[in-house]
Protein backbone atom coordinates (compact mmCIF):
# COMPACT_ATOMS: atom_id res chain seq x y z
CA UNK A 1 102.24 91.38 102.61
CA UNK A 2 103.01 94.62 104.42
CA UNK A 3 102.54 95.24 108.12
CA UNK A 4 100.57 98.20 109.42
CA UNK A 5 102.57 101.01 111.01
CA UNK A 6 101.77 100.74 114.73
CA UNK A 7 101.98 104.51 115.28
CA UNK A 8 99.50 105.10 112.45
CA UNK A 9 97.21 102.45 113.96
CA UNK A 10 97.43 104.29 117.29
CA UNK A 11 96.46 107.58 115.60
CA UNK A 12 93.49 105.90 113.89
CA UNK A 13 92.43 104.32 117.20
CA UNK A 14 92.55 107.70 118.92
CA UNK A 15 90.38 109.25 116.20
CA UNK A 16 87.91 106.38 116.66
CA UNK A 17 87.85 106.64 120.46
CA UNK A 18 87.55 110.42 120.61
CA UNK A 19 85.01 110.59 117.78
CA UNK A 20 87.02 113.56 116.51
CA UNK A 21 87.38 114.79 112.95
CA UNK A 22 90.14 117.34 113.50
CA UNK A 23 93.26 115.20 112.91
CA UNK A 24 94.89 116.24 109.64
CA UNK A 25 97.04 113.64 107.92
CA UNK A 26 98.80 113.15 104.61
CA UNK A 27 99.56 109.64 103.36
CA UNK A 28 101.28 108.05 100.40
CA UNK A 29 99.45 104.99 99.14
CA UNK A 30 100.10 103.26 95.85
CA UNK A 31 102.09 106.26 94.66
CA UNK A 32 99.22 108.68 95.31
CA UNK A 33 99.38 111.42 97.94
CA UNK A 34 96.13 111.88 99.87
CA UNK A 35 95.77 114.76 102.29
CA UNK A 36 92.85 115.64 104.53
CA UNK A 37 91.24 115.10 107.90
CA UNK A 38 90.54 111.78 109.53
CA UNK A 39 87.05 110.92 110.72
CA UNK A 40 85.77 108.07 112.88
CA UNK A 41 84.45 105.27 110.70
CA UNK A 42 80.84 105.68 111.90
CA UNK A 43 80.88 109.41 111.09
CA UNK A 44 82.47 108.74 107.70
CA UNK A 45 79.93 106.02 106.85
CA UNK A 46 77.00 108.26 107.79
CA UNK A 47 78.29 111.11 105.64
CA UNK A 48 78.81 108.82 102.62
CA UNK A 49 75.32 107.37 103.18
CA UNK A 50 73.83 110.90 103.23
CA UNK A 51 75.55 111.83 99.96
CA UNK A 52 74.33 108.65 98.28
CA UNK A 53 70.79 109.12 99.62
CA UNK A 54 70.70 112.56 98.01
CA UNK A 55 71.44 111.07 94.59
CA UNK A 56 68.50 109.54 92.79
CA UNK A 57 70.79 107.30 90.77
CA UNK A 58 72.94 106.15 93.72
CA UNK A 59 70.30 106.08 96.50
CA UNK A 60 70.08 102.24 96.56
CA UNK A 61 73.72 102.07 97.70
CA UNK A 62 73.25 104.33 100.73
CA UNK A 63 72.16 101.42 102.95
CA UNK A 64 75.53 99.71 102.54
CA UNK A 65 77.08 102.52 104.56
CA UNK A 66 74.42 102.74 107.28
CA UNK A 67 75.08 101.92 110.94
CA UNK A 68 73.13 98.66 110.62
CA UNK A 69 75.76 97.41 108.17
CA UNK A 70 78.51 97.62 110.80
CA UNK A 71 77.20 94.50 112.56
CA UNK A 72 79.51 91.51 112.26
CA UNK A 73 82.53 93.84 111.98
CA UNK A 74 85.51 93.62 114.35
CA UNK A 75 84.82 94.61 117.94
CA UNK A 76 85.70 98.12 119.09
CA UNK A 77 88.61 96.74 121.14
CA UNK A 78 90.43 95.59 118.01
CA UNK A 79 92.80 98.00 116.29
CA UNK A 80 91.49 99.90 113.25
CA UNK A 81 92.49 98.57 109.83
CA UNK A 82 91.51 101.59 107.73
CA UNK A 83 91.82 105.35 107.70
CA UNK A 84 88.67 107.30 106.87
CA UNK A 85 89.37 110.68 105.27
CA UNK A 86 86.90 113.47 104.72
CA UNK A 87 87.53 116.87 103.19
CA UNK A 88 90.40 115.06 101.47
CA UNK A 89 92.18 115.53 98.18
CA UNK A 90 94.51 113.52 96.00
CA UNK A 91 97.44 115.77 95.18
CA UNK A 92 98.40 115.95 91.50
CA UNK A 93 101.22 118.40 90.99
CA UNK A 94 100.01 121.67 92.46
CA UNK A 95 96.30 120.74 92.26
CA UNK A 96 94.08 118.92 94.76
CA UNK A 97 91.41 116.60 93.33
CA UNK A 98 88.48 116.97 93.93
CA UNK A 99 88.57 120.69 94.49
CA UNK A 100 85.90 120.54 97.21
CA UNK A 101 87.39 117.54 99.02
CA UNK A 102 86.25 113.96 98.99
CA UNK A 103 85.68 110.90 101.15
CA UNK A 104 88.44 108.28 101.00
CA UNK A 105 88.95 105.00 102.84
CA UNK A 106 92.42 103.49 102.74
CA UNK A 107 93.91 100.38 104.32
CA UNK A 108 96.50 101.29 106.93
CA UNK A 109 98.68 98.36 105.85
CA UNK A 110 98.96 99.88 102.36
CA UNK A 111 100.29 103.26 103.54
CA UNK A 112 103.95 103.57 102.56
CA UNK A 113 104.57 106.99 104.11
CA UNK A 114 102.73 109.64 106.09
CA UNK A 115 103.01 112.90 107.95
CA UNK A 116 100.81 114.76 110.39
CA UNK A 117 99.08 117.74 108.81
CA UNK A 118 97.73 118.41 105.38
CA UNK A 119 99.63 119.86 102.46
CA UNK A 120 98.73 123.20 101.04
CA UNK A 121 98.49 123.48 97.30
CA UNK A 122 97.55 126.02 94.71
CA UNK A 123 94.90 125.68 92.03
CA UNK A 124 96.54 128.46 89.99
């Protein structure tokens, strides 16, 4: 079992405490490279809930991501265990998938490498 990188945990905690979505980060997880901006978990959950609510087929799942579902979760004083990306892409060669950016949640303990900032890529 891997241990979480303490510096990465500190970055995630700062994003949570500041309620900021401007921290760009690129991580390697399971061989995939994910690049994008971090969001506080509550902001990320609300955005995912909104997207699901707008889909007739997926609407029933939107409640799983609502604020009410955060009850029983670790207290705010505990360190974050996940990174919440928005406007994020998985890099495949010179292409970012999805083109418009997506919402990804990754366990900090599973990150094998990272850098501050997001990678530029070309869709050409």
